N, C-alpha and C. Protein backbone atom coordinates (compact mmCIF):
# COMPACT_ATOMS: atom_id res chain seq x y z
N MET A 1 17.93 9.65 8.37
CA MET A 1 17.55 8.55 8.13
C MET A 1 18.49 8.40 6.51
N ALA A 2 19.57 7.87 6.56
CA ALA A 2 20.26 7.64 5.08
C ALA A 2 20.00 6.24 4.54
N LEU A 3 19.09 6.64 3.47
CA LEU A 3 18.65 5.60 2.57
C LEU A 3 19.34 5.48 1.09
N THR A 4 20.41 6.36 1.12
CA THR A 4 20.89 6.19 -0.42
C THR A 4 20.92 4.76 -0.89
N GLU A 5 21.65 4.00 -0.23
CA GLU A 5 21.92 2.61 -0.85
C GLU A 5 20.65 1.87 -1.05
N GLU A 6 19.59 2.17 -0.14
CA GLU A 6 18.54 1.48 -0.05
C GLU A 6 17.56 2.18 -1.28
N ALA A 7 17.68 3.37 -1.60
CA ALA A 7 17.21 3.98 -2.87
C ALA A 7 17.73 3.45 -4.03
N HIS A 8 18.84 3.27 -4.20
CA HIS A 8 19.58 2.51 -5.31
C HIS A 8 19.01 1.21 -5.65
N ALA A 9 19.06 0.33 -4.26
CA ALA A 9 18.66 -1.14 -4.47
C ALA A 9 17.08 -1.04 -4.77
N ALA A 10 16.33 -0.23 -4.20
CA ALA A 10 14.86 -0.12 -4.74
C ALA A 10 14.69 0.29 -6.26
N ARG A 11 15.58 0.96 -6.96
CA ARG A 11 15.57 1.15 -8.24
C ARG A 11 15.98 0.27 -8.88
N ASP A 12 17.25 -0.45 -8.55
CA ASP A 12 18.09 -1.44 -9.17
C ASP A 12 17.77 -2.91 -9.04
N GLY A 13 17.11 -3.42 -7.95
CA GLY A 13 17.10 -4.72 -7.57
C GLY A 13 15.69 -5.12 -6.86
N PRO A 14 15.41 -6.52 -7.11
CA PRO A 14 13.97 -6.75 -6.51
C PRO A 14 14.06 -6.90 -4.82
N ALA A 15 13.03 -6.80 -4.51
CA ALA A 15 12.85 -6.61 -3.08
C ALA A 15 13.43 -7.59 -2.21
N GLU A 16 13.31 -8.85 -2.61
CA GLU A 16 13.93 -10.09 -1.91
C GLU A 16 15.60 -10.14 -1.82
N LYS A 17 16.16 -9.15 -2.35
CA LYS A 17 17.54 -8.97 -2.10
C LYS A 17 18.16 -8.02 -0.88
N ARG A 18 16.92 -7.33 -0.67
CA ARG A 18 17.15 -6.41 0.51
C ARG A 18 17.27 -7.29 2.02
N THR A 19 18.24 -6.44 2.61
CA THR A 19 18.41 -7.10 3.99
C THR A 19 17.11 -6.19 4.94
N GLY A 20 16.97 -6.96 6.18
CA GLY A 20 16.04 -6.61 7.03
C GLY A 20 16.00 -5.51 7.54
N SER A 21 17.27 -4.67 7.67
CA SER A 21 17.56 -3.44 8.01
C SER A 21 17.13 -2.43 7.06
N GLU A 22 17.40 -2.88 5.84
CA GLU A 22 17.04 -2.03 4.61
C GLU A 22 15.48 -1.92 4.66
N GLN A 23 14.75 -2.97 4.66
CA GLN A 23 13.38 -3.14 4.66
C GLN A 23 12.94 -2.33 5.81
N GLY A 24 13.39 -2.39 7.02
CA GLY A 24 13.12 -1.73 7.91
C GLY A 24 13.06 -0.06 8.06
N GLU A 25 14.03 0.29 7.49
CA GLU A 25 14.32 1.66 7.02
C GLU A 25 13.15 2.04 6.03
N ILE A 26 12.61 1.41 5.35
CA ILE A 26 11.53 1.80 4.34
C ILE A 26 10.34 1.76 5.23
N PHE A 27 10.17 0.49 6.00
CA PHE A 27 8.64 0.66 6.70
C PHE A 27 8.87 1.74 7.85
N ASP A 28 10.00 2.34 8.43
CA ASP A 28 10.19 3.22 8.96
C ASP A 28 9.60 4.76 8.21
N LEU A 29 10.24 4.71 7.04
CA LEU A 29 9.99 5.90 6.09
C LEU A 29 8.38 6.13 5.96
N LEU A 30 7.77 4.87 5.71
CA LEU A 30 6.23 4.89 5.46
C LEU A 30 5.33 4.78 6.65
N SER A 31 6.11 4.73 7.89
CA SER A 31 5.22 4.55 8.93
C SER A 31 4.42 5.87 9.36
N ASN A 32 5.05 6.79 8.99
CA ASN A 32 4.19 8.26 9.19
C ASN A 32 3.28 8.62 8.26
N HIS A 33 2.12 8.92 8.73
CA HIS A 33 0.97 8.84 7.66
C HIS A 33 0.98 10.30 6.93
N ARG A 34 1.96 11.10 7.32
CA ARG A 34 2.01 12.56 6.71
C ARG A 34 2.88 12.32 5.56
N ARG A 35 4.00 11.23 5.64
CA ARG A 35 4.95 10.88 4.50
C ARG A 35 4.21 10.21 3.37
N ARG A 36 3.21 9.15 3.97
CA ARG A 36 2.62 8.43 3.03
C ARG A 36 1.54 9.35 2.30
N TYR A 37 0.82 9.98 2.75
CA TYR A 37 -0.19 11.06 2.32
C TYR A 37 0.61 11.94 1.32
N ALA A 38 1.93 12.39 1.51
CA ALA A 38 2.64 13.27 0.57
C ALA A 38 2.94 12.38 -0.54
N ILE A 39 3.34 11.07 -0.44
CA ILE A 39 3.53 10.44 -1.37
C ILE A 39 2.42 9.94 -2.39
N HIS A 40 1.32 9.78 -1.65
CA HIS A 40 0.02 9.46 -2.34
C HIS A 40 -0.46 10.74 -3.35
N TYR A 41 -0.03 11.79 -2.73
CA TYR A 41 -0.77 13.05 -3.56
C TYR A 41 0.16 13.44 -4.64
N CYS A 42 1.55 13.12 -4.46
CA CYS A 42 2.31 13.44 -5.43
C CYS A 42 2.29 12.23 -6.71
N LYS A 43 2.06 11.13 -6.06
CA LYS A 43 1.86 9.93 -7.21
C LYS A 43 0.07 10.34 -7.98
N ARG A 44 -0.64 10.92 -7.23
CA ARG A 44 -1.93 10.99 -7.73
C ARG A 44 -1.91 12.22 -8.79
N GLU A 45 -1.07 13.25 -8.57
CA GLU A 45 -0.90 14.30 -9.43
C GLU A 45 -0.08 13.96 -10.65
N ASP A 46 1.03 13.22 -10.45
CA ASP A 46 1.91 12.66 -11.60
C ASP A 46 2.89 13.92 -12.28
N GLU A 47 2.87 14.78 -11.37
CA GLU A 47 3.70 15.94 -11.88
C GLU A 47 4.17 16.67 -10.50
N PRO A 48 5.15 17.68 -10.90
CA PRO A 48 5.42 18.38 -9.30
C PRO A 48 4.40 19.18 -8.89
N VAL A 49 4.37 19.13 -7.45
CA VAL A 49 3.40 20.01 -6.90
C VAL A 49 3.87 20.99 -5.91
N THR A 50 3.18 21.88 -5.42
CA THR A 50 3.79 23.04 -4.67
C THR A 50 3.44 22.63 -3.29
N LEU A 51 4.24 23.04 -2.21
CA LEU A 51 4.26 22.43 -0.87
C LEU A 51 2.77 23.16 -0.34
N GLY A 52 2.25 24.32 -0.65
CA GLY A 52 0.98 24.67 -0.38
C GLY A 52 -0.15 23.70 -0.52
N ASP A 53 -0.29 23.32 -1.91
CA ASP A 53 -1.17 22.48 -2.29
C ASP A 53 -0.90 21.03 -1.43
N LEU A 54 0.08 20.64 -1.46
CA LEU A 54 0.30 19.35 -0.62
C LEU A 54 -0.16 19.35 0.82
N ALA A 55 0.10 20.73 1.54
CA ALA A 55 -0.36 20.87 2.82
C ALA A 55 -1.71 20.90 3.02
N GLU A 56 -2.45 21.45 2.00
CA GLU A 56 -3.92 21.53 1.96
C GLU A 56 -4.56 20.33 2.05
N HIS A 57 -4.02 19.48 1.09
CA HIS A 57 -4.60 18.00 0.97
C HIS A 57 -4.38 17.16 2.07
N VAL A 58 -3.08 17.04 2.55
CA VAL A 58 -3.00 16.39 3.63
C VAL A 58 -3.42 16.81 4.88
N ALA A 59 -3.75 17.94 5.11
CA ALA A 59 -4.64 18.59 6.47
C ALA A 59 -6.16 18.11 6.16
N ALA A 60 -6.50 18.11 5.02
CA ALA A 60 -7.92 17.64 4.62
C ALA A 60 -8.01 16.40 4.93
N TRP A 61 -7.18 15.25 4.62
CA TRP A 61 -7.40 13.85 4.79
C TRP A 61 -7.21 13.75 6.14
N GLU A 62 -6.03 14.44 6.99
CA GLU A 62 -5.98 14.14 8.20
C GLU A 62 -7.28 14.60 9.17
N LEU A 63 -7.87 15.59 8.75
CA LEU A 63 -9.00 15.98 9.53
C LEU A 63 -10.38 15.43 8.82
N ASP A 64 -10.44 14.70 7.80
CA ASP A 64 -11.58 14.34 7.10
C ASP A 64 -12.48 15.26 6.73
N LYS A 65 -11.78 16.22 6.15
CA LYS A 65 -12.77 17.49 5.46
C LYS A 65 -12.34 17.66 4.31
N GLU A 66 -13.17 18.53 3.56
CA GLU A 66 -13.06 18.94 2.23
C GLU A 66 -11.67 20.13 2.03
N VAL A 67 -11.03 20.03 1.20
CA VAL A 67 -9.83 20.97 1.01
C VAL A 67 -10.31 22.54 1.43
N GLU A 68 -11.55 22.71 0.72
CA GLU A 68 -12.11 24.19 0.92
C GLU A 68 -12.14 24.61 2.30
N THR A 69 -12.66 23.62 3.09
CA THR A 69 -13.18 23.99 4.63
C THR A 69 -11.89 23.78 5.38
N ILE A 70 -10.59 23.91 4.96
CA ILE A 70 -9.41 23.80 5.89
C ILE A 70 -9.17 25.11 6.33
N THR A 71 -8.94 25.55 7.38
CA THR A 71 -8.38 26.94 8.07
C THR A 71 -7.21 27.13 7.82
N SER A 72 -6.64 28.32 8.02
CA SER A 72 -5.12 28.57 7.40
C SER A 72 -4.51 27.94 8.62
N ALA A 73 -4.73 27.90 9.84
CA ALA A 73 -3.91 27.44 11.03
C ALA A 73 -3.87 25.76 11.05
N GLU A 74 -4.86 25.26 10.27
CA GLU A 74 -4.70 23.71 10.28
C GLU A 74 -3.76 23.61 9.03
N ARG A 75 -3.78 24.28 7.95
CA ARG A 75 -2.86 24.38 7.03
C ARG A 75 -1.61 24.70 7.14
N LYS A 76 -1.35 25.70 8.01
CA LYS A 76 0.02 25.93 8.52
C LYS A 76 0.74 25.15 9.38
N ARG A 77 -0.12 24.38 10.20
CA ARG A 77 0.55 23.36 10.97
C ARG A 77 1.02 22.13 10.24
N VAL A 78 0.43 21.81 9.09
CA VAL A 78 0.65 20.59 8.26
C VAL A 78 1.91 21.08 7.56
N TYR A 79 1.85 22.47 6.84
CA TYR A 79 2.83 22.95 6.08
C TYR A 79 4.08 22.92 6.67
N THR A 80 4.14 23.44 8.05
CA THR A 80 5.30 23.55 8.87
C THR A 80 5.98 22.17 9.00
N SER A 81 5.19 21.20 9.64
CA SER A 81 5.52 19.85 9.70
C SER A 81 6.33 18.98 8.46
N LEU A 82 5.35 19.48 7.30
CA LEU A 82 6.26 18.89 6.12
C LEU A 82 7.37 19.29 5.79
N GLN A 83 7.43 20.78 5.61
CA GLN A 83 8.64 21.50 5.40
C GLN A 83 9.77 21.24 6.17
N GLN A 84 9.63 20.93 7.47
CA GLN A 84 10.56 21.02 8.44
C GLN A 84 11.30 19.53 8.53
N THR A 85 10.06 18.68 8.49
CA THR A 85 10.44 17.39 8.96
C THR A 85 10.21 16.29 7.91
N HIS A 86 9.25 16.02 7.11
CA HIS A 86 8.81 15.07 6.28
C HIS A 86 9.39 15.03 5.03
N LEU A 87 9.15 16.22 4.61
CA LEU A 87 9.92 16.17 3.17
C LEU A 87 11.43 16.25 3.16
N PRO A 88 12.08 16.78 4.25
CA PRO A 88 13.43 16.65 4.08
C PRO A 88 13.93 15.04 4.36
N THR A 89 13.09 14.62 5.31
CA THR A 89 13.08 13.02 5.35
C THR A 89 12.98 12.17 4.00
N LEU A 90 12.21 12.48 3.12
CA LEU A 90 11.68 11.78 1.93
C LEU A 90 12.92 12.17 1.07
N GLU A 91 13.28 13.36 1.10
CA GLU A 91 14.38 13.88 0.17
C GLU A 91 15.77 12.86 0.57
N ARG A 92 16.03 12.91 1.67
CA ARG A 92 17.55 12.19 2.25
C ARG A 92 17.25 10.69 1.85
N ALA A 93 16.23 10.29 1.77
CA ALA A 93 15.81 8.75 1.29
C ALA A 93 15.66 8.72 -0.16
N GLU A 94 15.82 9.72 -1.07
CA GLU A 94 15.73 9.98 -2.57
C GLU A 94 14.52 9.52 -2.92
N MET A 95 13.40 9.92 -2.28
CA MET A 95 12.03 9.35 -2.57
C MET A 95 11.34 10.63 -3.49
N ILE A 96 12.04 11.77 -3.09
CA ILE A 96 11.34 13.01 -3.78
C ILE A 96 12.63 13.91 -3.96
N GLU A 97 12.50 15.05 -4.89
CA GLU A 97 13.46 15.92 -5.14
C GLU A 97 12.52 17.47 -4.26
N PHE A 98 13.27 18.14 -3.57
CA PHE A 98 12.30 19.31 -2.89
C PHE A 98 13.00 20.37 -2.96
N ASP A 99 12.64 21.77 -3.41
CA ASP A 99 13.19 22.75 -3.27
C ASP A 99 12.79 23.73 -2.65
N ASP A 100 12.13 23.52 -1.57
CA ASP A 100 11.42 24.48 -0.55
C ASP A 100 10.07 25.08 -0.92
N ARG A 101 9.73 24.74 -2.19
CA ARG A 101 8.33 25.03 -2.65
C ARG A 101 7.75 23.95 -3.44
N THR A 102 8.46 23.14 -4.19
CA THR A 102 8.15 22.23 -5.33
C THR A 102 8.51 20.89 -4.83
N ILE A 103 7.63 19.88 -4.93
CA ILE A 103 8.07 18.50 -4.66
C ILE A 103 7.72 17.62 -5.77
N GLU A 104 8.57 16.78 -6.15
CA GLU A 104 8.60 15.71 -7.28
C GLU A 104 9.04 14.34 -7.02
N LEU A 105 8.37 13.60 -7.19
CA LEU A 105 8.88 12.30 -6.91
C LEU A 105 10.00 11.45 -7.74
N THR A 106 10.86 10.85 -7.22
CA THR A 106 11.98 10.52 -7.94
C THR A 106 11.48 8.95 -8.43
N GLU A 107 12.34 8.29 -9.17
CA GLU A 107 11.92 7.22 -9.81
C GLU A 107 12.01 6.15 -8.37
N ASN A 108 12.83 6.23 -7.46
CA ASN A 108 12.63 5.35 -6.22
C ASN A 108 11.22 5.34 -5.72
N ALA A 109 10.61 6.29 -5.61
CA ALA A 109 9.31 6.14 -4.90
C ALA A 109 8.08 5.34 -5.52
N LYS A 110 8.58 5.13 -7.11
CA LYS A 110 7.59 4.36 -7.64
C LYS A 110 7.51 2.82 -7.24
N ASN A 111 8.84 2.40 -6.37
CA ASN A 111 8.78 0.89 -6.06
C ASN A 111 8.21 0.75 -4.69
N LEU A 112 7.67 1.70 -4.07
CA LEU A 112 7.42 1.75 -2.57
C LEU A 112 6.00 0.79 -2.66
N GLU A 113 5.54 0.49 -3.43
CA GLU A 113 3.93 -0.45 -3.46
C GLU A 113 4.36 -1.74 -2.89
N VAL A 114 5.59 -2.57 -3.12
CA VAL A 114 5.83 -3.48 -2.76
C VAL A 114 5.86 -3.75 -1.15
N TYR A 115 6.06 -2.50 -0.46
CA TYR A 115 5.94 -2.41 0.89
C TYR A 115 4.75 -2.24 1.52
N LEU A 116 3.64 -1.93 0.80
CA LEU A 116 2.46 -1.54 1.14
C LEU A 116 1.25 -2.38 0.72
N ASP A 117 0.80 -3.13 1.92
CA ASP A 117 -0.52 -4.23 1.64
C ASP A 117 -1.37 -3.59 2.60
N VAL A 118 -2.08 -2.67 2.11
CA VAL A 118 -3.22 -1.65 2.93
C VAL A 118 -4.29 -2.90 3.10
N VAL A 119 -4.79 -3.07 4.41
CA VAL A 119 -5.76 -3.84 4.79
C VAL A 119 -6.67 -3.12 5.43
N PRO A 120 -8.06 -2.69 5.23
CA PRO A 120 -8.97 -1.90 5.95
C PRO A 120 -9.27 -2.26 7.19
N GLY A 121 -9.62 -1.47 8.33
CA GLY A 121 -9.72 -2.08 9.47
C GLY A 121 -10.60 -3.08 9.71
N ASP A 122 -11.68 -3.07 9.20
CA ASP A 122 -13.10 -4.17 9.05
C ASP A 122 -12.64 -5.27 8.04
N SER A 123 -11.42 -5.51 7.76
CA SER A 123 -11.00 -6.64 7.10
C SER A 123 -9.81 -7.58 7.57
N ILE A 124 -9.76 -8.74 7.15
CA ILE A 124 -8.68 -9.64 7.55
C ILE A 124 -7.55 -9.53 6.49
N PRO A 125 -6.40 -9.63 6.86
CA PRO A 125 -5.09 -9.61 5.96
C PRO A 125 -5.31 -10.89 4.94
N TRP A 126 -4.97 -10.68 3.69
CA TRP A 126 -5.03 -11.48 2.61
C TRP A 126 -4.27 -12.98 3.07
N GLY A 127 -3.21 -12.94 3.71
CA GLY A 127 -2.53 -13.98 4.01
C GLY A 127 -3.33 -14.93 4.78
N VAL A 128 -3.98 -14.40 5.85
CA VAL A 128 -5.17 -15.34 6.81
C VAL A 128 -6.03 -15.63 6.08
N TYR A 129 -6.75 -14.95 5.22
CA TYR A 129 -7.81 -15.49 4.31
C TYR A 129 -7.59 -16.53 3.54
N TYR A 130 -6.12 -16.54 2.82
CA TYR A 130 -5.66 -17.72 2.02
C TYR A 130 -5.36 -18.81 2.82
N LEU A 131 -5.28 -18.75 4.19
CA LEU A 131 -4.81 -19.88 4.92
C LEU A 131 -6.29 -20.65 5.31
N GLY A 132 -7.07 -19.73 5.58
CA GLY A 132 -8.54 -20.32 5.91
C GLY A 132 -9.09 -21.03 4.64
N LEU A 133 -8.92 -20.33 3.36
CA LEU A 133 -9.49 -20.94 2.21
C LEU A 133 -8.56 -22.37 1.93
N SER A 134 -7.43 -22.14 2.10
CA SER A 134 -6.53 -23.72 2.00
C SER A 134 -7.16 -24.57 3.07
N ALA A 135 -7.33 -24.17 4.02
CA ALA A 135 -7.82 -25.18 5.19
C ALA A 135 -9.16 -25.71 4.66
N LEU A 136 -9.88 -24.76 4.28
CA LEU A 136 -11.33 -25.26 3.92
C LEU A 136 -11.13 -26.43 2.60
N GLY A 137 -10.33 -25.80 1.96
CA GLY A 137 -10.06 -26.90 0.52
C GLY A 137 -9.47 -28.10 0.87
N LEU A 138 -8.76 -28.07 1.88
CA LEU A 138 -8.17 -29.51 2.25
C LEU A 138 -9.24 -30.17 3.11
N LEU A 139 -10.22 -29.52 3.94
CA LEU A 139 -11.12 -30.38 4.55
C LEU A 139 -12.13 -31.13 3.33
N VAL A 140 -12.46 -30.20 2.31
CA VAL A 140 -13.36 -30.71 1.32
C VAL A 140 -12.84 -31.95 0.86
N MET A 141 -11.38 -31.87 0.39
CA MET A 141 -10.79 -33.00 -0.28
C MET A 141 -10.55 -33.91 0.61
N ALA A 142 -10.30 -34.00 1.96
CA ALA A 142 -10.37 -35.13 2.95
C ALA A 142 -11.71 -35.80 3.04
N GLY A 143 -12.46 -34.74 2.71
CA GLY A 143 -14.04 -35.47 2.86
C GLY A 143 -14.12 -36.28 1.56
N VAL A 144 -13.87 -36.16 0.61
CA VAL A 144 -13.86 -36.71 -0.62
C VAL A 144 -13.24 -38.07 -0.61
N TRP A 145 -11.86 -37.92 -0.12
CA TRP A 145 -11.02 -39.24 0.14
C TRP A 145 -11.61 -40.30 0.93
N LEU A 146 -12.05 -39.50 2.19
CA LEU A 146 -12.65 -40.49 3.03
C LEU A 146 -14.07 -41.04 2.81
N GLU A 147 -14.60 -40.40 1.70
CA GLU A 147 -16.05 -40.68 1.42
C GLU A 147 -17.13 -40.36 2.26
N ILE A 148 -16.81 -39.01 2.95
CA ILE A 148 -17.66 -38.42 3.74
C ILE A 148 -18.50 -37.30 2.96
N VAL A 149 -17.96 -36.78 2.07
CA VAL A 149 -18.50 -35.90 1.35
C VAL A 149 -19.23 -36.67 0.07
N PRO A 150 -20.64 -36.41 -0.25
CA PRO A 150 -21.33 -37.11 -1.15
C PRO A 150 -20.53 -36.99 -2.69
N THR A 151 -20.46 -37.98 -3.35
CA THR A 151 -19.66 -37.89 -4.61
C THR A 151 -20.60 -38.34 -5.87
N GLU A 152 -21.74 -38.42 -5.36
CA GLU A 152 -22.88 -39.35 -6.29
C GLU A 152 -23.68 -38.19 -6.94
N THR A 153 -23.92 -36.92 -6.36
CA THR A 153 -24.40 -35.69 -6.52
C THR A 153 -23.28 -34.95 -7.49
N VAL A 154 -22.10 -34.86 -6.72
CA VAL A 154 -20.98 -33.87 -7.27
C VAL A 154 -19.89 -34.83 -7.36
N PRO A 155 -19.35 -35.32 -8.43
CA PRO A 155 -18.09 -36.17 -8.49
C PRO A 155 -16.99 -35.35 -7.94
N ALA A 156 -15.87 -36.09 -7.47
CA ALA A 156 -14.86 -35.84 -7.22
C ALA A 156 -14.04 -34.72 -7.75
N LEU A 157 -13.98 -34.93 -8.92
CA LEU A 157 -13.27 -33.85 -9.96
C LEU A 157 -14.19 -32.44 -9.69
N GLY A 158 -15.52 -32.70 -9.55
CA GLY A 158 -16.14 -31.31 -9.59
C GLY A 158 -16.03 -30.76 -7.95
N TRP A 159 -15.75 -31.60 -6.78
CA TRP A 159 -15.26 -30.88 -5.82
C TRP A 159 -13.88 -30.13 -5.77
N ALA A 160 -12.99 -30.91 -6.50
CA ALA A 160 -11.51 -30.38 -6.73
C ALA A 160 -11.85 -29.09 -7.48
N THR A 161 -12.62 -29.06 -8.64
CA THR A 161 -12.92 -27.67 -9.46
C THR A 161 -13.42 -26.74 -8.64
N LEU A 162 -14.30 -26.99 -7.72
CA LEU A 162 -14.72 -25.93 -6.72
C LEU A 162 -13.57 -25.32 -5.93
N VAL A 163 -13.07 -26.06 -5.36
CA VAL A 163 -11.86 -25.59 -4.34
C VAL A 163 -10.96 -24.56 -5.13
N VAL A 164 -10.37 -25.06 -6.56
CA VAL A 164 -9.74 -24.43 -7.34
C VAL A 164 -10.57 -23.23 -7.86
N LEU A 165 -11.32 -23.37 -8.34
CA LEU A 165 -12.28 -22.08 -8.53
C LEU A 165 -12.35 -21.10 -7.25
N GLY A 166 -12.57 -21.48 -6.06
CA GLY A 166 -12.49 -20.65 -5.06
C GLY A 166 -11.29 -19.85 -5.06
N VAL A 167 -10.28 -20.52 -5.09
CA VAL A 167 -8.98 -19.86 -4.89
C VAL A 167 -8.67 -18.82 -6.07
N ALA A 168 -9.13 -19.05 -7.24
CA ALA A 168 -8.80 -18.39 -8.51
C ALA A 168 -9.97 -17.06 -8.31
N VAL A 169 -11.07 -17.14 -7.95
CA VAL A 169 -11.98 -15.98 -7.73
C VAL A 169 -11.20 -15.16 -6.77
N SER A 170 -10.70 -15.70 -5.74
CA SER A 170 -10.12 -15.16 -4.44
C SER A 170 -9.02 -14.12 -4.98
N ALA A 171 -8.18 -15.04 -5.88
CA ALA A 171 -6.95 -14.18 -6.31
C ALA A 171 -7.21 -13.16 -7.12
N ILE A 172 -8.34 -13.26 -8.07
CA ILE A 172 -8.66 -12.08 -8.78
C ILE A 172 -9.28 -10.81 -8.17
N VAL A 173 -9.86 -11.30 -6.95
CA VAL A 173 -10.16 -10.27 -6.19
C VAL A 173 -9.30 -9.47 -5.28
N HIS A 174 -8.28 -10.36 -4.80
CA HIS A 174 -7.07 -9.84 -4.31
C HIS A 174 -6.36 -8.97 -5.22
N VAL A 175 -6.18 -9.10 -6.42
CA VAL A 175 -5.22 -8.63 -7.15
C VAL A 175 -5.86 -7.05 -7.68
N VAL A 176 -7.33 -7.22 -7.99
CA VAL A 176 -7.94 -5.98 -8.24
C VAL A 176 -8.09 -4.87 -6.89
N SER A 177 -8.27 -5.68 -5.76
CA SER A 177 -8.41 -4.74 -4.73
C SER A 177 -6.82 -4.00 -4.30
N SER A 178 -5.77 -4.81 -4.61
CA SER A 178 -4.56 -4.48 -4.14
C SER A 178 -4.16 -3.28 -5.02
N ARG A 179 -4.63 -3.40 -6.46
CA ARG A 179 -4.27 -2.41 -7.35
C ARG A 179 -5.11 -1.20 -6.95
N ARG A 180 -6.37 -1.30 -6.62
CA ARG A 180 -7.15 -0.05 -6.39
C ARG A 180 -6.62 0.58 -4.99
N MET A 181 -5.83 0.08 -4.10
CA MET A 181 -5.34 0.60 -2.89
C MET A 181 -4.08 1.22 -2.80
N ARG A 182 -3.41 1.09 -4.12
CA ARG A 182 -2.08 1.59 -4.25
C ARG A 182 -2.15 3.20 -3.96
N LEU A 183 -0.86 3.66 -3.42
CA LEU A 183 -0.87 5.11 -3.13
C LEU A 183 -0.86 5.73 -4.63
N GLY A 184 -1.66 6.80 -4.63
CA GLY A 184 -1.86 7.53 -5.78
C GLY A 184 -2.84 7.25 -6.67
N LYS A 185 -3.50 6.11 -6.50
CA LYS A 185 -4.53 5.55 -7.27
C LYS A 185 -5.90 6.05 -7.11
N VAL A 186 -6.29 6.45 -5.86
CA VAL A 186 -7.74 6.69 -5.43
C VAL A 186 -7.44 8.12 -4.91
N GLU A 187 -8.73 8.82 -4.79
CA GLU A 187 -8.88 10.28 -4.21
C GLU A 187 -8.12 10.50 -2.92
N ARG A 188 -8.52 9.56 -1.79
CA ARG A 188 -8.00 9.76 -0.69
C ARG A 188 -6.99 8.60 -0.49
N PRO A 189 -5.94 8.88 0.34
CA PRO A 189 -4.98 7.82 0.50
C PRO A 189 -5.61 6.77 1.29
N PRO A 190 -5.36 5.45 1.02
CA PRO A 190 -5.43 4.23 1.81
C PRO A 190 -5.08 4.12 3.04
């Protein structure tokens, strides 16, 4: 995968200027969990890491185990895969510098968050949530205009304030949640 131009664009320009094929290459790069886990671990450590430590943590996350309980066979399987496939792919994309034992993130890797909107399996995407919230707000406001919603107890401005407050609280929760779910920000990768 040749992302040299994309890597420069990620460093030098906003995401809106990328073509669909360039974004597709980034999504392809991030589609593999081992590559995402490698980036997550390197971001979390914020310094060069050894291939051995990276392999242990990736294996532990994959198997939902503690690092101390990983067997040498489990570690070796991940070590080999990282060394032969995933780290060279990340290096060709200029996301890491890899010298067969040490891995260090490049500046290009810092711009990957724009491509990751992590949504837990038991949740709905934020876009769908905001669409529903907008529909609810429009229903309330239509009810006020059509005088279906009582305005004696709560004035029309009060209903509008409640709708705007709902959107504002949702936006705050969204921002906090998104920042918490970034690669490298929590112990286990999202």
